[in-house]
Amino acid sequence: MSGIYPQLTCKEVKQILKTLGFEPRPRTSTSHEQWVKKENGRLFKVTVDCPKSPFSPDLISSMHKQAGVSKKEFYAALKK
């Protein structure tokens, strides 16, 4: 685990996504949550699987890419 980019909990990831302008989609019968945002005609969709929390660096990397931001921007949104 890196000191610069520590593991994140489900609560922290949801906070980041809200800060970045994402909204949760209505849940279905799965543990995976879908967070969506439309920006400049593009649809960004981030999948969050809370039972996997705290999230590994690989999952965090996948989420920040799905959100269309850098890892640095993703973590910076937690501090806002």
PDB file of N, CA and C in Angstrom:
ATOM      1  N   MET A   1       0.845  -1.175   0.000  1.00  0.00           N
ATOM      2  CA  MET A   1       0.000   0.000   0.000  1.00  0.00           C
ATOM      3  C   MET A   1       0.884   1.229   0.000  1.00  0.00           C
ATOM      4  N   SER A   2       0.591   2.157  -0.878  1.00  0.00           N
ATOM      5  CA  SER A   2       1.372   3.381  -0.995  1.00  0.00           C
ATOM      6  C   SER A   2       0.851   4.449  -0.046  1.00  0.00           C
ATOM      7  N   GLY A   3       1.765   5.235   0.528  1.00  0.00           N
ATOM      8  CA  GLY A   3       1.363   6.329   1.396  1.00  0.00           C
ATOM      9  C   GLY A   3       0.707   7.453   0.624  1.00  0.00           C
ATOM     10  N   ILE A   4       1.121   7.633  -0.628  1.00  0.00           N
ATOM     11  CA  ILE A   4       0.540   8.692  -1.452  1.00  0.00           C
ATOM     12  C   ILE A   4      -0.871   8.307  -1.883  1.00  0.00           C
ATOM     13  N   TYR A   5      -1.054   7.071  -2.283  1.00  0.00           N
ATOM     14  CA  TYR A   5      -2.347   6.587  -2.749  1.00  0.00           C
ATOM     15  C   TYR A   5      -2.770   5.371  -1.918  1.00  0.00           C
ATOM     16  N   PRO A   6      -3.336   5.612  -0.740  1.00  0.00           N
ATOM     17  CA  PRO A   6      -3.743   4.494   0.119  1.00  0.00           C
ATOM     18  C   PRO A   6      -5.003   3.807  -0.405  1.00  0.00           C
ATOM     19  N   GLN A   7      -5.291   2.643   0.154  1.00  0.00           N
ATOM     20  CA  GLN A   7      -6.529   1.955  -0.190  1.00  0.00           C
ATOM     21  C   GLN A   7      -7.701   2.845   0.205  1.00  0.00           C
ATOM     22  N   LEU A   8      -8.814   2.686  -0.487  1.00  0.00           N
ATOM     23  CA  LEU A   8     -10.008   3.475  -0.207  1.00  0.00           C
ATOM     24  C   LEU A   8     -11.155   2.564   0.207  1.00  0.00           C
ATOM     25  N   THR A   9     -12.004   3.072   1.102  1.00  0.00           N
ATOM     26  CA  THR A   9     -13.201   2.340   1.497  1.00  0.00           C
ATOM     27  C   THR A   9     -14.332   2.673   0.530  1.00  0.00           C
ATOM     28  N   CYS A  10     -15.400   1.929   0.620  1.00  0.00           N
ATOM     29  CA  CYS A  10     -16.566   2.172  -0.228  1.00  0.00           C
ATOM     30  C   CYS A  10     -17.122   3.573   0.034  1.00  0.00           C
ATOM     31  N   LYS A  11     -17.199   3.958   1.286  1.00  0.00           N
ATOM     32  CA  LYS A  11     -17.709   5.283   1.655  1.00  0.00           C
ATOM     33  C   LYS A  11     -16.861   6.389   1.025  1.00  0.00           C
ATOM     34  N   GLU A  12     -15.550   6.225   1.039  1.00  0.00           N
ATOM     35  CA  GLU A  12     -14.654   7.228   0.456  1.00  0.00           C
ATOM     36  C   GLU A  12     -14.825   7.317  -1.061  1.00  0.00           C
ATOM     37  N   VAL A  13     -14.964   6.172  -1.722  1.00  0.00           N
ATOM     38  CA  VAL A  13     -15.144   6.166  -3.177  1.00  0.00           C
ATOM     39  C   VAL A  13     -16.459   6.849  -3.547  1.00  0.00           C
ATOM     40  N   LYS A  14     -17.521   6.583  -2.793  1.00  0.00           N
ATOM     41  CA  LYS A  14     -18.805   7.232  -3.061  1.00  0.00           C
ATOM     42  C   LYS A  14     -18.691   8.743  -2.878  1.00  0.00           C
ATOM     43  N   GLN A  15     -17.962   9.173  -1.865  1.00  0.00           N
ATOM     44  CA  GLN A  15     -17.750  10.601  -1.630  1.00  0.00           C
ATOM     45  C   GLN A  15     -16.996  11.225  -2.808  1.00  0.00           C
ATOM     46  N   ILE A  16     -15.966  10.546  -3.286  1.00  0.00           N
ATOM     47  CA  ILE A  16     -15.191  11.025  -4.438  1.00  0.00           C
ATOM     48  C   ILE A  16     -16.095  11.169  -5.656  1.00  0.00           C
ATOM     49  N   LEU A  17     -16.892  10.143  -5.928  1.00  0.00           N
ATOM     50  CA  LEU A  17     -17.754  10.168  -7.109  1.00  0.00           C
ATOM     51  C   LEU A  17     -18.785  11.294  -7.027  1.00  0.00           C
ATOM     52  N   LYS A  18     -19.355  11.520  -5.848  1.00  0.00           N
ATOM     53  CA  LYS A  18     -20.297  12.633  -5.677  1.00  0.00           C
ATOM     54  C   LYS A  18     -19.601  13.960  -5.944  1.00  0.00           C
ATOM     55  N   THR A  19     -18.393  14.122  -5.421  1.00  0.00           N
ATOM     56  CA  THR A  19     -17.628  15.349  -5.632  1.00  0.00           C
ATOM     57  C   THR A  19     -17.346  15.568  -7.112  1.00  0.00           C
ATOM     58  N   LEU A  20     -17.101  14.493  -7.841  1.00  0.00           N
ATOM     59  CA  LEU A  20     -16.810  14.583  -9.274  1.00  0.00           C
ATOM     60  C   LEU A  20     -18.072  14.746 -10.133  1.00  0.00           C
ATOM     61  N   GLY A  21     -19.242  14.751  -9.492  1.00  0.00           N
ATOM     62  CA  GLY A  21     -20.486  14.984 -10.228  1.00  0.00           C
ATOM     63  C   GLY A  21     -21.230  13.737 -10.664  1.00  0.00           C
ATOM     64  N   PHE A  22     -20.861  12.587 -10.139  1.00  0.00           N
ATOM     65  CA  PHE A  22     -21.534  11.337 -10.480  1.00  0.00           C
ATOM     66  C   PHE A  22     -22.772  11.159  -9.607  1.00  0.00           C
ATOM     67  N   GLU A  23     -23.746  10.427 -10.150  1.00  0.00           N
ATOM     68  CA  GLU A  23     -24.961  10.084  -9.417  1.00  0.00           C
ATOM     69  C   GLU A  23     -25.160   8.575  -9.491  1.00  0.00           C
ATOM     70  N   PRO A  24     -25.668   7.986  -8.395  1.00  0.00           N
ATOM     71  CA  PRO A  24     -25.890   6.534  -8.428  1.00  0.00           C
ATOM     72  C   PRO A  24     -27.109   6.186  -9.276  1.00  0.00           C
ATOM     73  N   ARG A  25     -26.994   5.101 -10.020  1.00  0.00           N
ATOM     74  CA  ARG A  25     -28.142   4.560 -10.751  1.00  0.00           C
ATOM     75  C   ARG A  25     -28.949   3.726  -9.770  1.00  0.00           C
ATOM     76  N   PRO A  26     -30.249   3.592 -10.017  1.00  0.00           N
ATOM     77  CA  PRO A  26     -31.044   2.714  -9.147  1.00  0.00           C
ATOM     78  C   PRO A  26     -30.441   1.309  -9.118  1.00  0.00           C
ATOM     79  N   ARG A  27     -30.415   0.730  -7.937  1.00  0.00           N
ATOM     80  CA  ARG A  27     -29.799  -0.594  -7.775  1.00  0.00           C
ATOM     81  C   ARG A  27     -30.709  -1.690  -8.290  1.00  0.00           C
ATOM     82  N   THR A  28     -30.058  -2.737  -8.767  1.00  0.00           N
ATOM     83  CA  THR A  28     -30.780  -3.937  -9.179  1.00  0.00           C
ATOM     84  C   THR A  28     -30.416  -5.037  -8.191  1.00  0.00           C
ATOM     85  N   SER A  29     -30.564  -6.258  -8.568  1.00  0.00           N
ATOM     86  CA  SER A  29     -30.317  -7.373  -7.650  1.00  0.00           C
ATOM     87  C   SER A  29     -28.852  -7.794  -7.627  1.00  0.00           C
ATOM     88  N   THR A  30     -27.949  -6.840  -7.716  1.00  0.00           N
ATOM     89  CA  THR A  30     -26.523  -7.147  -7.698  1.00  0.00           C
ATOM     90  C   THR A  30     -25.827  -6.295  -6.647  1.00  0.00           C
ATOM     91  N   SER A  31     -24.660  -6.725  -6.217  1.00  0.00           N
ATOM     92  CA  SER A  31     -23.912  -5.951  -5.228  1.00  0.00           C
ATOM     93  C   SER A  31     -23.163  -4.794  -5.879  1.00  0.00           C
ATOM     94  N   HIS A  32     -23.065  -4.804  -7.196  1.00  0.00           N
ATOM     95  CA  HIS A  32     -22.353  -3.749  -7.915  1.00  0.00           C
ATOM     96  C   HIS A  32     -23.230  -2.506  -8.056  1.00  0.00           C
ATOM     97  N   GLU A  33     -22.672  -1.365  -7.685  1.00  0.00           N
ATOM     98  CA  GLU A  33     -23.363  -0.098  -7.881  1.00  0.00           C
ATOM     99  C   GLU A  33     -22.809   0.562  -9.137  1.00  0.00           C
ATOM    100  N   GLN A  34     -23.688   1.208  -9.887  1.00  0.00           N
ATOM    101  CA  GLN A  34     -23.285   1.951 -11.076  1.00  0.00           C
ATOM    102  C   GLN A  34     -23.457   3.437 -10.778  1.00  0.00           C
ATOM    103  N   TRP A  35     -22.396   4.204 -10.987  1.00  0.00           N
ATOM    104  CA  TRP A  35     -22.425   5.656 -10.831  1.00  0.00           C
ATOM    105  C   TRP A  35     -22.209   6.261 -12.206  1.00  0.00           C
ATOM    106  N   VAL A  36     -23.047   7.230 -12.578  1.00  0.00           N
ATOM    107  CA  VAL A  36     -22.990   7.783 -13.930  1.00  0.00           C
ATOM    108  C   VAL A  36     -22.887   9.306 -13.920  1.00  0.00           C
ATOM    109  N   LYS A  37     -22.296   9.812 -15.010  1.00  0.00           N
ATOM    110  CA  LYS A  37     -22.188  11.256 -15.216  1.00  0.00           C
ATOM    111  C   LYS A  37     -22.124  11.501 -16.714  1.00  0.00           C
ATOM    112  N   LYS A  38     -22.907  12.477 -17.171  1.00  0.00           N
ATOM    113  CA  LYS A  38     -22.826  12.906 -18.571  1.00  0.00           C
ATOM    114  C   LYS A  38     -22.053  14.212 -18.605  1.00  0.00           C
ATOM    115  N   GLU A  39     -21.056  14.257 -19.495  1.00  0.00           N
ATOM    116  CA  GLU A  39     -20.228  15.452 -19.613  1.00  0.00           C
ATOM    117  C   GLU A  39     -19.766  15.592 -21.057  1.00  0.00           C
ATOM    118  N   ASN A  40     -20.029  16.750 -21.646  1.00  0.00           N
ATOM    119  CA  ASN A  40     -19.631  17.027 -23.031  1.00  0.00           C
ATOM    120  C   ASN A  40     -20.095  15.936 -24.000  1.00  0.00           C
ATOM    121  N   GLY A  41     -21.327  15.470 -23.804  1.00  0.00           N
ATOM    122  CA  GLY A  41     -21.878  14.453 -24.691  1.00  0.00           C
ATOM    123  C   GLY A  41     -21.381  13.040 -24.447  1.00  0.00           C
ATOM    124  N   ARG A  42     -20.553  12.861 -23.439  1.00  0.00           N
ATOM    125  CA  ARG A  42     -20.028  11.517 -23.107  1.00  0.00           C
ATOM    126  C   ARG A  42     -20.686  11.005 -21.837  1.00  0.00           C
ATOM    127  N   LEU A  43     -20.893   9.711 -21.783  1.00  0.00           N
ATOM    128  CA  LEU A  43     -21.426   9.070 -20.589  1.00  0.00           C
ATOM    129  C   LEU A  43     -20.286   8.330 -19.899  1.00  0.00           C
ATOM    130  N   PHE A  44     -20.030   8.700 -18.657  1.00  0.00           N
ATOM    131  CA  PHE A  44     -19.031   8.007 -17.852  1.00  0.00           C
ATOM    132  C   PHE A  44     -19.776   7.129 -16.859  1.00  0.00           C
ATOM    133  N   LYS A  45     -19.350   5.877 -16.736  1.00  0.00           N
ATOM    134  CA  LYS A  45     -19.998   4.932 -15.834  1.00  0.00           C
ATOM    135  C   LYS A  45     -18.927   4.240 -15.005  1.00  0.00           C
ATOM    136  N   VAL A  46     -19.067   4.342 -13.683  1.00  0.00           N
ATOM    137  CA  VAL A  46     -18.107   3.728 -12.763  1.00  0.00           C
ATOM    138  C   VAL A  46     -18.822   2.624 -11.994  1.00  0.00           C
ATOM    139  N   THR A  47     -18.234   1.445 -11.973  1.00  0.00           N
ATOM    140  CA  THR A  47     -18.775   0.315 -11.230  1.00  0.00           C
ATOM    141  C   THR A  47     -18.085   0.235  -9.882  1.00  0.00           C
ATOM    142  N   VAL A  48     -18.893   0.182  -8.816  1.00  0.00           N
ATOM    143  CA  VAL A  48     -18.368   0.101  -7.452  1.00  0.00           C
ATOM    144  C   VAL A  48     -18.930  -1.162  -6.812  1.00  0.00           C
ATOM    145  N   ASP A  49     -18.060  -2.043  -6.363  1.00  0.00           N
ATOM    146  CA  ASP A  49     -18.458  -3.300  -5.724  1.00  0.00           C
ATOM    147  C   ASP A  49     -18.063  -3.227  -4.251  1.00  0.00           C
ATOM    148  N   CYS A  50     -18.968  -2.701  -3.417  1.00  0.00           N
ATOM    149  CA  CYS A  50     -18.648  -2.435  -2.012  1.00  0.00           C
ATOM    150  C   CYS A  50     -18.169  -3.648  -1.209  1.00  0.00           C
ATOM    151  N   PRO A  51     -18.646  -4.867  -1.476  1.00  0.00           N
ATOM    152  CA  PRO A  51     -18.106  -5.999  -0.726  1.00  0.00           C
ATOM    153  C   PRO A  51     -16.599  -6.204  -0.918  1.00  0.00           C
ATOM    154  N   LYS A  52     -16.015  -5.610  -1.951  1.00  0.00           N
ATOM    155  CA  LYS A  52     -14.570  -5.724  -2.183  1.00  0.00           C
ATOM    156  C   LYS A  52     -13.776  -4.659  -1.415  1.00  0.00           C
ATOM    157  N   SER A  53     -14.447  -3.807  -0.654  1.00  0.00           N
ATOM    158  CA  SER A  53     -13.805  -2.720   0.089  1.00  0.00           C
ATOM    159  C   SER A  53     -13.009  -3.286   1.265  1.00  0.00           C
ATOM    160  N   PRO A  54     -11.854  -2.727   1.629  1.00  0.00           N
ATOM    161  CA  PRO A  54     -11.170  -1.606   0.990  1.00  0.00           C
ATOM    162  C   PRO A  54     -10.601  -2.035  -0.360  1.00  0.00           C
ATOM    163  N   PHE A  55     -10.639  -1.090  -1.296  1.00  0.00           N
ATOM    164  CA  PHE A  55     -10.299  -1.390  -2.675  1.00  0.00           C
ATOM    165  C   PHE A  55      -8.793  -1.436  -2.911  1.00  0.00           C
ATOM    166  N   SER A  56      -8.376  -2.406  -3.692  1.00  0.00           N
ATOM    167  CA  SER A  56      -6.964  -2.580  -4.042  1.00  0.00           C
ATOM    168  C   SER A  56      -6.548  -1.498  -5.037  1.00  0.00           C
ATOM    169  N   PRO A  57      -5.244  -1.278  -5.187  1.00  0.00           N
ATOM    170  CA  PRO A  57      -4.768  -0.305  -6.179  1.00  0.00           C
ATOM    171  C   PRO A  57      -5.275  -0.604  -7.594  1.00  0.00           C
ATOM    172  N   ASP A  58      -5.403  -1.884  -7.950  1.00  0.00           N
ATOM    173  CA  ASP A  58      -5.901  -2.244  -9.283  1.00  0.00           C
ATOM    174  C   ASP A  58      -7.356  -1.807  -9.483  1.00  0.00           C
ATOM    175  N   LEU A  59      -8.192  -2.014  -8.461  1.00  0.00           N
ATOM    176  CA  LEU A  59      -9.593  -1.605  -8.578  1.00  0.00           C
ATOM    177  C   LEU A  59      -9.722  -0.085  -8.597  1.00  0.00           C
ATOM    178  N   ILE A  60      -8.923   0.596  -7.792  1.00  0.00           N
ATOM    179  CA  ILE A  60      -8.948   2.060  -7.782  1.00  0.00           C
ATOM    180  C   ILE A  60      -8.508   2.593  -9.138  1.00  0.00           C
ATOM    181  N   SER A  61      -7.500   1.974  -9.720  1.00  0.00           N
ATOM    182  CA  SER A  61      -7.033   2.372 -11.048  1.00  0.00           C
ATOM    183  C   SER A  61      -8.150   2.213 -12.079  1.00  0.00           C
ATOM    184  N   SER A  62      -8.865   1.122 -12.008  1.00  0.00           N
ATOM    185  CA  SER A  62      -9.975   0.887 -12.925  1.00  0.00           C
ATOM    186  C   SER A  62     -11.066   1.940 -12.735  1.00  0.00           C
ATOM    187  N   MET A  63     -11.386   2.262 -11.486  1.00  0.00           N
ATOM    188  CA  MET A  63     -12.444   3.235 -11.212  1.00  0.00           C
ATOM    189  C   MET A  63     -12.072   4.633 -11.697  1.00  0.00           C
ATOM    190  N   HIS A  64     -10.824   5.069 -11.471  1.00  0.00           N
ATOM    191  CA  HIS A  64     -10.480   6.427 -11.908  1.00  0.00           C
ATOM    192  C   HIS A  64     -10.460   6.513 -13.434  1.00  0.00           C
ATOM    193  N   LYS A  65     -10.099   5.424 -14.104  1.00  0.00           N
ATOM    194  CA  LYS A  65     -10.134   5.419 -15.573  1.00  0.00           C
ATOM    195  C   LYS A  65     -11.577   5.453 -16.078  1.00  0.00           C
ATOM    196  N   GLN A  66     -12.463   4.695 -15.434  1.00  0.00           N
ATOM    197  CA  GLN A  66     -13.878   4.714 -15.805  1.00  0.00           C
ATOM    198  C   GLN A  66     -14.471   6.110 -15.602  1.00  0.00           C
ATOM    199  N   ALA A  67     -13.973   6.828 -14.583  1.00  0.00           N
ATOM    200  CA  ALA A  67     -14.467   8.176 -14.279  1.00  0.00           C
ATOM    201  C   ALA A  67     -13.888   9.229 -15.217  1.00  0.00           C
ATOM    202  N   GLY A  68     -12.866   8.864 -15.981  1.00  0.00           N
ATOM    203  CA  GLY A  68     -12.270   9.792 -16.931  1.00  0.00           C
ATOM    204  C   GLY A  68     -11.343  10.817 -16.304  1.00  0.00           C
ATOM    205  N   VAL A  69     -10.756  10.463 -15.145  1.00  0.00           N
ATOM    206  CA  VAL A  69      -9.826  11.371 -14.466  1.00  0.00           C
ATOM    207  C   VAL A  69      -8.547  10.619 -14.111  1.00  0.00           C
ATOM    208  N   SER A  70      -7.500  11.374 -13.793  1.00  0.00           N
ATOM    209  CA  SER A  70      -6.244  10.754 -13.372  1.00  0.00           C
ATOM    210  C   SER A  70      -6.372  10.265 -11.926  1.00  0.00           C
ATOM    211  N   LYS A  71      -5.441   9.427 -11.534  1.00  0.00           N
ATOM    212  CA  LYS A  71      -5.429   8.941 -10.153  1.00  0.00           C
ATOM    213  C   LYS A  71      -5.279  10.115  -9.186  1.00  0.00           C
ATOM    214  N   LYS A  72      -4.429  11.074  -9.554  1.00  0.00           N
ATOM    215  CA  LYS A  72      -4.207  12.256  -8.716  1.00  0.00           C
ATOM    216  C   LYS A  72      -5.511  13.045  -8.543  1.00  0.00           C
ATOM    217  N   GLU A  73      -6.255  13.248  -9.633  1.00  0.00           N
ATOM    218  CA  GLU A  73      -7.534  13.968  -9.565  1.00  0.00           C
ATOM    219  C   GLU A  73      -8.561  13.185  -8.747  1.00  0.00           C
ATOM    220  N   PHE A  74      -8.546  11.865  -8.879  1.00  0.00           N
ATOM    221  CA  PHE A  74      -9.479  11.009  -8.147  1.00  0.00           C
ATOM    222  C   PHE A  74      -9.269  11.164  -6.643  1.00  0.00           C
ATOM    223  N   TYR A  75      -8.011  11.070  -6.203  1.00  0.00           N
ATOM    224  CA  TYR A  75      -7.709  11.209  -4.778  1.00  0.00           C
ATOM    225  C   TYR A  75      -7.918  12.640  -4.291  1.00  0.00           C
ATOM    226  N   ALA A  76      -7.645  13.629  -5.146  1.00  0.00           N
ATOM    227  CA  ALA A  76      -7.832  15.034  -4.766  1.00  0.00           C
ATOM    228  C   ALA A  76      -9.302  15.326  -4.471  1.00  0.00           C
ATOM    229  N   ALA A  77     -10.213  14.642  -5.150  1.00  0.00           N
ATOM    230  CA  ALA A  77     -11.647  14.848  -4.928  1.00  0.00           C
ATOM    231  C   ALA A  77     -12.066  14.410  -3.532  1.00  0.00           C
ATOM    232  N   LEU A  78     -11.310  13.533  -2.911  1.00  0.00           N
ATOM    233  CA  LEU A  78     -11.610  13.089  -1.547  1.00  0.00           C
ATOM    234  C   LEU A  78     -11.360  14.206  -0.549  1.00  0.00           C
ATOM    235  N   LYS A  79     -10.427  15.084  -0.853  1.00  0.00           N
ATOM    236  CA  LYS A  79     -10.035  16.145   0.072  1.00  0.00           C
ATOM    237  C   LYS A  79     -10.877  17.406  -0.070  1.00  0.00           C
ATOM    238  N   LYS A  80     -11.802  17.428  -1.044  1.00  0.00           N
ATOM    239  CA  LYS A  80     -12.621  18.629  -1.264  1.00  0.00           C
ATOM    240  C   LYS A  80     -13.811  18.658  -0.349  1.00  0.00           C
TER     241      LYS A  80
END
